[in-house]
Amino acid sequence: MTVRRYAVVGGGISGLVAAYRLRQACGPDAEITLVEASPRLGGTLRTTEVGAESLDVGAEAFIGRRPEVPALLAELGLSDQLVHPSSARPLVYSGGRTHALPLGTLMGIPSSADSVRDLVDPAELHLIESETTRPFTWTAGSDVSVADLVGSRFGSQVVSRSVDPLLGGVYSGSASSIGVRAALPTLAAALDGGAASLTEAVLAALPTPSPGPVFGGLRDGYAVLLDALIAATGARTIVDTGVADVRREANGWYVDRVGVVDGLVLAVPAPVLGQLIAAVAPEASRAARSIELASSVVVALAFPKATELPQNSGILVATDAGLDVKAFTLSSRKWPHLGERDAVLLRASLGRFGDSTASDRSDEESIETASNDLRTVAGIGARPLAATVQRWPGGLPQYAPGHLDRVAAVESGVADLPGLEVTGAWQRGVGVPACIASATTAAARLIEVAR
């Protein structure tokens, strides 16, 4: 019996799922090697200690309407870990005070002036109200930044006070660094379909309300899922080791640090992917290297149990508010199971694409910045019992205008390389469900080639 040999380069959620799917398909005899450049597996998923409490300091939630995470939890016997947030809603800090997060918006883009009446000045409210009366043109298939589209129709305050706070949480970017077509596909479809105004397109693109929670999470953090995946892969794991060379051989693929394998999954950030495939797929390499990354910092704080938090799930910060923190997650309010802990827990997120300020600060400066901004937005001046700083250099790809074309160029460029598949957050969405789906597809294609 021939033993199949596979390598997965990249030990984030995409790489772990790919290795797990390969193990499922090939059985216990297959040799699977997982190589990760950093000292740990898990990528931007991490559960760590904040004083005596544990807390996710990377991604902490997933979109509840997508099936991938609950299905994977069920496969691994972890369905009892699935939890949902409370009904508390977030706030937006703008103009020196907090406001309710606008309703009736598409990622912060208003469907009417009433959606953002409390957030923007009268002059910009008039822009929104009159938008349907002004000439509007859109070229089907085109792409622009969200800021260019929304700012030109609704004004800059809508961008900085409503759209930026939401996009910043998803991409660690801003409306100016994110393209409409990749980030808001339903809006792009409505525009391509001939919407006569942005208002009309937003109304057409708004999701149909669905029953059930919007988000989900894991009771004991993503570490539980990571540990289960690592165990289930049964892979030989090499960490703290980068791969510098990938090339085709007559009998498979040669992978630096591993040797020759029958199949290879590259589950690495786009710029790294570009380097690895430069010799075998130069056009795909150029496209991958053009996908830029954003860095961010999460400061997790634990306060005495008596500390009073706002009755909200979090506080998003407008980009024109003059603060450094872009969002606070009031974890003890957002997640009922965390509200039962012996300390009050919250997270501050700092850093946007193109701004290195957050990355340049020391841990002590980051904690001080988070504490100062928390005092400003929520009036909490208590000294934290404990604080943990988690840095995510190059943690999230930017879905800039033209992103889907770049992804298509990568995928078409490697399509004629049997035995090699690619996956990652740069491909079909930055969220955990999207990464699981992409990795599952990559592993399935690899198995199909072997048959």
Protein backbone atom coordinates (compact mmCIF):
# COMPACT_ATOMS: atom_id res chain seq x y z
CA MET A 1 0.00 0.00 0.00
CA THR A 2 1.34 3.42 -0.99
CA VAL A 3 1.59 5.90 1.86
CA ARG A 4 0.51 9.38 0.83
CA ARG A 5 2.63 12.27 2.04
CA TYR A 6 1.30 15.80 2.46
CA ALA A 7 2.66 19.08 3.74
CA VAL A 8 0.68 22.05 4.99
CA VAL A 9 2.64 25.30 5.29
CA GLY A 10 0.97 27.69 7.72
CA GLY A 11 -0.48 26.74 11.09
CA GLY A 12 -3.35 29.20 11.43
CA ILE A 13 -6.98 28.09 11.36
CA SER A 14 -6.81 27.60 7.58
CA GLY A 15 -3.76 25.35 7.77
CA LEU A 16 -5.09 23.36 10.71
CA VAL A 17 -8.42 22.74 9.00
CA ALA A 18 -6.67 21.73 5.78
CA ALA A 19 -4.50 19.24 7.69
CA TYR A 20 -7.56 17.92 9.52
CA ARG A 21 -9.50 17.42 6.28
CA LEU A 22 -6.53 15.61 4.74
CA ARG A 23 -6.38 13.29 7.74
CA GLN A 24 -10.11 12.63 7.50
CA ALA A 25 -9.83 11.73 3.82
CA CYS A 26 -6.58 9.76 3.89
CA GLY A 27 -6.83 7.94 7.19
CA PRO A 28 -4.19 7.24 9.84
CA ASP A 29 -1.49 5.99 7.48
CA ALA A 30 -0.98 9.23 5.59
CA GLU A 31 2.07 11.26 6.55
CA ILE A 32 1.03 14.86 7.16
CA THR A 33 3.54 17.53 8.13
CA LEU A 34 2.44 20.96 9.35
CA VAL A 35 5.04 23.74 9.23
CA GLU A 36 4.55 27.09 10.99
CA ALA A 37 6.98 30.02 10.96
CA SER A 38 5.95 31.37 14.37
CA PRO A 39 6.52 29.62 17.71
CA ARG A 40 2.85 28.61 18.06
CA LEU A 41 -0.06 27.26 16.05
CA GLY A 42 -3.36 29.06 15.72
CA GLY A 43 -2.51 32.20 13.76
CA THR A 44 -4.71 35.10 14.84
CA LEU A 45 -6.76 32.87 17.12
CA ARG A 46 -5.39 32.87 20.64
CA THR A 47 -6.78 32.40 24.12
CA THR A 48 -4.51 33.67 26.87
CA GLU A 49 -4.51 34.62 30.54
CA VAL A 50 -5.47 38.06 31.79
CA GLY A 51 -4.60 37.80 35.45
CA ALA A 52 -6.55 34.80 36.72
CA GLU A 53 -8.99 34.77 33.78
CA SER A 54 -8.70 33.44 30.23
CA LEU A 55 -9.84 35.49 27.24
CA ASP A 56 -9.58 35.40 23.46
CA VAL A 57 -7.18 38.11 22.32
CA GLY A 58 -7.56 37.52 18.59
CA ALA A 59 -10.84 36.75 16.88
CA GLU A 60 -13.50 36.24 19.54
CA ALA A 61 -16.68 35.63 17.55
CA PHE A 62 -17.94 34.26 14.25
CA ILE A 63 -20.94 34.99 12.04
CA GLY A 64 -23.76 32.85 13.38
CA ARG A 65 -25.67 32.45 10.11
CA ARG A 66 -22.76 30.56 8.53
CA PRO A 67 -22.67 26.83 9.32
CA GLU A 68 -18.94 26.10 9.24
CA VAL A 69 -17.96 26.66 12.87
CA PRO A 70 -20.93 24.86 14.50
CA ALA A 71 -20.46 21.97 12.07
CA LEU A 72 -16.76 21.70 12.86
CA LEU A 73 -17.43 21.86 16.59
CA ALA A 74 -19.94 19.03 16.20
CA GLU A 75 -17.41 16.90 14.28
CA LEU A 76 -14.87 17.36 17.05
CA GLY A 77 -17.34 16.70 19.88
CA LEU A 78 -17.27 20.32 21.02
CA SER A 79 -20.87 21.41 20.46
CA ASP A 80 -21.24 22.15 24.17
CA GLN A 81 -18.67 24.93 23.71
CA LEU A 82 -20.98 26.95 21.44
CA VAL A 83 -22.22 30.16 23.08
CA HIS A 84 -23.99 33.28 21.87
CA PRO A 85 -23.71 36.92 22.94
CA SER A 86 -26.25 38.78 25.01
CA SER A 87 -28.83 41.07 23.46
CA ALA A 88 -26.80 44.14 24.46
CA ARG A 89 -25.99 46.40 21.54
CA PRO A 90 -22.81 48.39 20.86
CA LEU A 91 -22.33 52.13 21.06
CA VAL A 92 -20.42 54.52 18.82
CA TYR A 93 -18.23 57.20 20.38
CA SER A 94 -18.30 60.37 18.30
CA GLY A 95 -18.39 64.10 18.96
CA GLY A 96 -17.36 63.68 22.58
CA ARG A 97 -20.15 61.28 23.57
CA THR A 98 -21.58 57.86 22.91
CA HIS A 99 -24.47 57.13 20.54
CA ALA A 100 -26.48 54.01 19.83
CA LEU A 101 -25.07 52.05 16.90
CA PRO A 102 -27.19 53.07 13.88
CA LEU A 103 -29.85 50.66 12.72
CA GLY A 104 -30.87 50.19 9.11
CA THR A 105 -27.34 50.33 7.73
CA LEU A 106 -25.19 48.06 5.58
CA MET A 107 -21.85 47.89 7.37
CA GLY A 108 -22.55 51.43 8.55
CA ILE A 109 -23.78 52.74 5.19
CA PRO A 110 -27.18 54.30 5.90
CA SER A 111 -30.35 53.33 4.07
CA SER A 112 -31.90 56.66 5.07
CA ALA A 113 -31.00 59.84 6.91
CA ASP A 114 -32.88 58.54 9.95
CA SER A 115 -30.32 55.72 10.24
CA VAL A 116 -27.59 58.16 11.26
CA ARG A 117 -29.56 61.20 12.40
CA ASP A 118 -27.87 61.19 15.81
CA LEU A 119 -24.37 60.87 14.36
CA VAL A 120 -23.92 63.47 11.63
CA ASP A 121 -24.45 67.21 11.22
CA PRO A 122 -27.54 68.68 9.51
CA ALA A 123 -25.62 69.55 6.35
CA GLU A 124 -24.64 65.92 5.83
CA LEU A 125 -28.10 64.71 6.76
CA HIS A 126 -29.32 66.83 3.85
CA LEU A 127 -26.79 65.08 1.58
CA ILE A 128 -28.30 61.74 2.52
CA GLU A 129 -31.88 62.95 2.20
CA SER A 130 -31.25 64.44 -1.24
CA GLU A 131 -29.01 61.65 -2.57
CA THR A 132 -31.72 60.08 -4.70
CA THR A 133 -32.27 63.38 -6.53
CA ARG A 134 -28.67 63.84 -7.62
CA PRO A 135 -27.25 62.25 -10.80
CA PHE A 136 -25.59 58.91 -10.10
CA THR A 137 -23.41 56.77 -12.35
CA TRP A 138 -21.87 53.36 -11.77
CA THR A 139 -20.01 51.20 -14.25
CA ALA A 140 -20.98 47.57 -13.86
CA GLY A 141 -18.00 45.47 -12.79
CA SER A 142 -16.02 48.45 -11.49
CA ASP A 143 -14.64 48.79 -7.99
CA VAL A 144 -13.78 51.72 -5.73
CA SER A 145 -13.02 52.14 -2.07
CA VAL A 146 -15.98 52.24 0.28
CA ALA A 147 -14.86 55.71 1.36
CA ASP A 148 -14.86 57.07 -2.18
CA LEU A 149 -18.34 55.76 -2.90
CA VAL A 150 -20.00 56.61 0.40
CA GLY A 151 -18.16 59.89 0.95
CA SER A 152 -19.11 61.22 -2.46
CA ARG A 153 -22.80 60.49 -1.90
CA PHE A 154 -23.37 60.81 1.85
CA GLY A 155 -20.42 62.87 3.11
CA SER A 156 -17.26 62.31 5.11
CA GLN A 157 -18.95 62.20 8.53
CA VAL A 158 -20.93 59.10 7.57
CA VAL A 159 -17.64 57.48 6.60
CA SER A 160 -15.71 58.37 9.74
CA ARG A 161 -18.54 57.99 12.26
CA SER A 162 -20.59 55.09 10.93
CA VAL A 163 -18.67 53.09 8.30
CA ASP A 164 -15.08 53.25 9.56
CA PRO A 165 -15.91 51.94 13.05
CA LEU A 166 -17.49 48.79 11.60
CA LEU A 167 -14.95 48.11 8.85
CA GLY A 168 -12.11 48.73 11.29
CA GLY A 169 -13.33 45.88 13.44
CA VAL A 170 -13.43 43.44 10.54
CA TYR A 171 -10.29 44.32 8.59
CA SER A 172 -8.15 46.52 10.89
CA GLY A 173 -8.48 49.00 8.05
CA SER A 174 -10.81 51.80 7.11
CA ALA A 175 -13.30 52.63 4.42
CA SER A 176 -10.46 54.11 2.37
CA SER A 177 -8.48 50.86 2.33
CA ILE A 178 -11.37 48.49 1.59
CA GLY A 179 -13.07 47.96 -1.76
CA VAL A 180 -16.80 47.76 -2.29
CA ARG A 181 -16.82 44.61 -4.40
CA ALA A 182 -14.97 42.30 -2.00
CA ALA A 183 -16.26 43.66 1.31
CA LEU A 184 -19.86 44.39 0.31
CA PRO A 185 -20.76 41.96 -2.49
CA THR A 186 -24.53 42.47 -2.17
CA LEU A 187 -24.07 46.22 -2.57
CA ALA A 188 -21.86 45.70 -5.62
CA ALA A 189 -24.50 43.38 -7.09
CA ALA A 190 -27.23 45.99 -6.55
CA LEU A 191 -25.09 48.67 -8.18
CA ASP A 192 -24.26 46.39 -11.11
CA GLY A 193 -27.97 45.65 -11.43
CA GLY A 194 -28.72 49.25 -12.24
CA ALA A 195 -29.62 50.90 -8.94
CA ALA A 196 -30.47 54.53 -9.63
CA SER A 197 -28.78 55.78 -6.43
CA LEU A 198 -26.64 54.59 -3.56
CA THR A 199 -29.69 54.75 -1.31
CA GLU A 200 -31.57 52.39 -3.62
CA ALA A 201 -28.59 50.03 -3.77
CA VAL A 202 -28.22 49.93 0.02
CA LEU A 203 -31.93 49.20 0.47
CA ALA A 204 -31.65 46.33 -2.02
CA ALA A 205 -28.50 44.97 -0.38
CA LEU A 206 -29.66 44.98 3.23
CA PRO A 207 -29.74 41.41 4.54
CA THR A 208 -33.10 39.82 5.24
CA PRO A 209 -33.52 39.55 9.01
CA SER A 210 -33.03 35.96 10.08
CA PRO A 211 -33.98 34.23 13.31
CA GLY A 212 -31.30 33.23 15.73
CA PRO A 213 -28.16 34.93 17.02
CA VAL A 214 -26.04 36.99 14.67
CA PHE A 215 -22.76 35.85 16.27
CA GLY A 216 -21.37 32.86 18.10
CA GLY A 217 -18.33 32.10 20.22
CA LEU A 218 -16.67 29.38 22.30
CA ARG A 219 -17.25 29.15 26.03
CA ASP A 220 -13.62 28.43 26.84
CA GLY A 221 -12.14 30.35 23.93
CA TYR A 222 -10.76 29.37 20.55
CA ALA A 223 -7.92 27.46 22.25
CA VAL A 224 -10.36 24.57 22.72
CA LEU A 225 -10.97 24.35 18.97
CA LEU A 226 -7.28 24.73 18.16
CA ASP A 227 -6.24 21.99 20.59
CA ALA A 228 -8.86 19.62 19.19
CA LEU A 229 -7.80 20.29 15.60
CA ILE A 230 -4.12 19.82 16.40
CA ALA A 231 -4.88 16.47 18.02
CA ALA A 232 -7.19 15.35 15.22
CA THR A 233 -4.69 16.08 12.45
CA GLY A 234 -2.19 13.62 13.87
CA ALA A 235 0.39 15.64 11.97
CA ARG A 236 4.09 15.97 12.50
CA THR A 237 4.34 19.58 13.56
CA ILE A 238 7.30 21.88 12.99
CA VAL A 239 7.01 25.33 14.55
CA ASP A 240 9.28 28.38 14.67
CA THR A 241 10.50 27.38 11.23
CA GLY A 242 9.95 29.23 7.99
CA VAL A 243 9.77 27.58 4.57
CA ALA A 244 11.98 29.27 1.99
CA ASP A 245 11.76 26.92 -0.99
CA VAL A 246 8.88 25.19 -2.76
CA ARG A 247 9.45 23.55 -6.15
CA ARG A 248 8.07 20.87 -8.41
CA GLU A 249 9.81 17.53 -8.65
CA ALA A 250 9.14 14.61 -10.96
CA ASN A 251 7.50 12.68 -8.14
CA GLY A 252 5.74 15.49 -6.31
CA TRP A 253 6.57 18.75 -4.55
CA TYR A 254 9.76 19.54 -2.69
CA VAL A 255 9.15 21.57 0.45
CA ASP A 256 12.00 23.10 2.38
CA ARG A 257 12.33 21.48 5.86
CA VAL A 258 10.02 18.63 4.84
CA GLY A 259 11.25 16.93 1.66
CA VAL A 260 9.23 15.61 -1.27
CA VAL A 261 5.48 15.23 -0.76
CA ASP A 262 2.58 14.12 -2.93
CA GLY A 263 0.50 17.17 -2.14
CA LEU A 264 1.02 20.61 -0.66
CA VAL A 265 -1.29 23.22 0.86
CA LEU A 266 0.06 26.75 1.26
CA ALA A 267 -2.00 28.38 4.02
CA VAL A 268 0.11 31.48 4.53
CA PRO A 269 -0.44 35.26 4.29
CA ALA A 270 -0.65 36.52 0.73
CA PRO A 271 2.78 38.22 0.61
CA VAL A 272 4.44 35.03 1.91
CA LEU A 273 2.51 32.99 -0.62
CA GLY A 274 3.80 35.30 -3.32
CA GLN A 275 7.38 34.60 -2.29
CA LEU A 276 6.91 30.83 -2.16
CA ILE A 277 5.32 30.49 -5.61
CA ALA A 278 7.47 33.07 -7.40
CA ALA A 279 9.38 30.45 -9.41
CA VAL A 280 6.44 28.16 -10.24
CA ALA A 281 3.66 30.72 -10.80
CA PRO A 282 5.13 34.19 -11.40
CA GLU A 283 1.87 35.92 -12.36
CA ALA A 284 0.06 34.48 -9.34
CA SER A 285 3.02 35.51 -7.23
CA ARG A 286 2.76 39.12 -8.33
CA ALA A 287 -0.95 39.18 -7.57
CA ALA A 288 -0.45 37.66 -4.12
CA ARG A 289 2.32 40.08 -3.22
CA SER A 290 0.08 43.02 -4.09
CA ILE A 291 -2.34 42.11 -1.27
CA GLU A 292 -1.29 44.26 1.67
CA LEU A 293 -1.60 43.49 5.38
CA ALA A 294 -2.72 45.48 8.40
CA SER A 295 -1.27 45.19 11.88
CA SER A 296 -3.15 45.63 15.12
CA VAL A 297 -2.80 45.41 18.89
CA VAL A 298 -5.29 44.02 21.41
CA VAL A 299 -5.06 45.11 25.05
CA ALA A 300 -7.06 42.80 27.32
CA LEU A 301 -7.96 44.24 30.72
CA ALA A 302 -9.35 42.70 33.90
CA PHE A 303 -11.02 44.95 36.49
CA PRO A 304 -12.45 44.35 39.95
CA LYS A 305 -15.84 42.66 39.90
CA ALA A 306 -17.53 45.79 41.26
CA THR A 307 -16.48 47.87 38.22
CA GLU A 308 -19.52 49.25 36.41
CA LEU A 309 -19.57 48.83 32.64
CA PRO A 310 -22.08 50.42 30.29
CA GLN A 311 -25.01 48.12 29.55
CA ASN A 312 -23.68 47.54 26.04
CA SER A 313 -21.66 44.94 24.20
CA GLY A 314 -18.96 47.34 23.10
CA ILE A 315 -17.99 50.85 22.08
CA LEU A 316 -16.84 51.55 18.53
CA VAL A 317 -14.83 54.72 18.01
CA ALA A 318 -15.26 57.12 15.09
CA THR A 319 -12.07 57.84 13.18
CA ASP A 320 -12.61 61.59 13.64
CA ALA A 321 -13.01 61.26 17.43
CA GLY A 322 -9.35 61.98 18.18
CA LEU A 323 -8.74 58.75 20.14
CA ASP A 324 -6.21 55.98 19.61
CA VAL A 325 -8.39 52.98 20.45
CA LYS A 326 -10.65 51.99 17.55
CA ALA A 327 -13.01 49.82 19.61
CA PHE A 328 -13.67 48.42 23.06
CA THR A 329 -15.29 45.03 23.46
CA LEU A 330 -17.08 44.97 26.81
CA SER A 331 -16.58 41.24 27.09
CA SER A 332 -18.34 40.78 30.42
CA ARG A 333 -21.44 42.47 28.98
CA LYS A 334 -21.26 40.91 25.53
CA TRP A 335 -20.84 37.30 26.62
CA PRO A 336 -23.03 36.07 29.50
CA HIS A 337 -20.60 33.29 30.43
CA LEU A 338 -17.81 35.86 30.86
CA GLY A 339 -20.10 37.97 33.04
CA GLU A 340 -20.04 35.11 35.52
CA ARG A 341 -16.26 35.35 35.98
CA ASP A 342 -14.60 36.76 39.09
CA ALA A 343 -13.35 39.84 37.23
CA VAL A 344 -14.78 42.31 34.74
CA LEU A 345 -13.16 41.69 31.35
CA LEU A 346 -12.84 43.90 28.30
CA ARG A 347 -10.63 44.34 25.25
CA ALA A 348 -9.27 47.43 23.54
CA SER A 349 -8.35 47.22 19.86
CA LEU A 350 -5.77 49.56 18.36
CA GLY A 351 -4.19 49.93 14.94
CA ARG A 352 -5.39 50.48 11.39
CA PHE A 353 -3.88 49.84 8.00
CA GLY A 354 -1.26 52.43 7.10
CA ASP A 355 -0.74 53.66 10.68
CA SER A 356 2.15 52.17 12.64
CA THR A 357 1.47 54.17 15.82
CA ALA A 358 -0.12 51.28 17.70
CA SER A 359 2.61 48.84 16.68
CA ASP A 360 5.35 51.25 17.70
CA ARG A 361 4.14 51.69 21.28
CA SER A 362 5.59 49.60 24.09
CA ASP A 363 3.29 47.27 26.04
CA GLU A 364 3.22 49.77 28.91
CA GLU A 365 2.31 52.62 26.56
CA SER A 366 -0.39 50.48 24.93
CA ILE A 367 -1.98 49.72 28.31
CA GLU A 368 -1.84 53.38 29.30
CA THR A 369 -3.38 54.45 25.99
CA ALA A 370 -6.19 51.92 26.33
CA SER A 371 -6.86 52.98 29.93
CA ASN A 372 -6.95 56.68 29.04
CA ASP A 373 -9.33 56.16 26.13
CA LEU A 374 -11.53 53.90 28.26
CA ARG A 375 -11.81 56.67 30.84
CA THR A 376 -12.82 59.07 28.06
CA VAL A 377 -15.50 56.92 26.42
CA ALA A 378 -16.91 55.05 29.44
CA GLY A 379 -15.84 57.00 32.52
CA ILE A 380 -13.95 54.01 33.93
CA GLY A 381 -10.99 55.29 35.87
CA ALA A 382 -10.32 52.22 38.01
CA ARG A 383 -6.91 50.65 37.81
CA PRO A 384 -7.00 47.26 36.09
CA LEU A 385 -6.13 44.18 38.11
CA ALA A 386 -4.25 42.76 35.13
CA ALA A 387 -3.51 43.59 31.51
CA THR A 388 -2.23 41.57 28.56
CA VAL A 389 -0.99 42.99 25.27
CA GLN A 390 -1.28 40.88 22.13
CA ARG A 391 0.34 42.13 18.93
CA TRP A 392 -0.81 41.01 15.51
CA PRO A 393 1.80 42.16 12.97
CA GLY A 394 0.39 41.70 9.48
CA GLY A 395 -2.62 40.00 11.00
CA LEU A 396 -5.30 40.87 8.44
CA PRO A 397 -5.28 41.24 4.64
CA GLN A 398 -6.76 44.38 3.15
CA TYR A 399 -9.55 43.76 0.67
CA ALA A 400 -8.65 46.84 -1.36
CA PRO A 401 -10.39 47.83 -4.61
CA GLY A 402 -9.65 45.15 -7.18
CA HIS A 403 -9.16 42.47 -4.53
CA LEU A 404 -11.35 39.89 -6.25
CA ASP A 405 -9.29 40.30 -9.43
CA ARG A 406 -6.11 39.68 -7.47
CA VAL A 407 -7.60 36.58 -5.87
CA ALA A 408 -8.72 35.31 -9.27
CA ALA A 409 -5.22 35.87 -10.64
CA VAL A 410 -3.69 33.86 -7.80
CA GLU A 411 -6.16 31.02 -8.19
CA SER A 412 -5.89 30.82 -11.97
CA GLY A 413 -2.11 31.02 -11.74
CA VAL A 414 -1.87 27.92 -9.55
CA ALA A 415 -4.74 26.00 -11.15
CA ASP A 416 -2.39 24.19 -13.53
CA LEU A 417 -0.08 23.04 -10.75
CA PRO A 418 -1.47 19.64 -9.71
CA GLY A 419 -0.72 18.74 -6.13
CA LEU A 420 -0.56 22.34 -4.91
CA GLU A 421 -3.44 24.23 -3.32
CA VAL A 422 -3.68 27.61 -1.63
CA THR A 423 -5.93 28.93 1.13
CA GLY A 424 -6.07 31.68 3.72
CA ALA A 425 -7.86 34.76 5.00
CA TRP A 426 -6.86 36.67 1.86
CA GLN A 427 -9.05 34.47 -0.31
CA ARG A 428 -12.78 34.34 0.51
CA GLY A 429 -13.19 36.32 3.72
CA VAL A 430 -11.23 37.09 6.87
CA GLY A 431 -13.66 35.47 9.33
CA VAL A 432 -13.19 32.01 10.82
CA PRO A 433 -16.12 30.46 8.89
CA ALA A 434 -14.72 31.70 5.57
CA CYS A 435 -11.27 30.33 6.41
CA ILE A 436 -12.74 26.93 7.33
CA ALA A 437 -14.65 26.81 4.04
CA SER A 438 -11.62 27.83 1.98
CA ALA A 439 -9.35 25.29 3.67
CA THR A 440 -11.91 22.51 3.26
CA THR A 441 -12.11 23.25 -0.46
CA ALA A 442 -8.32 23.26 -0.81
CA ALA A 443 -7.97 19.88 0.90
CA ALA A 444 -10.79 18.37 -1.18
CA ARG A 445 -9.12 19.48 -4.41
CA LEU A 446 -5.84 17.99 -3.30
CA ILE A 447 -7.47 14.67 -2.53
CA GLU A 448 -9.27 14.68 -5.87
CA VAL A 449 -5.96 15.03 -7.71
CA ALA A 450 -4.56 12.04 -5.85
CA ARG A 451 -7.40 9.77 -6.95
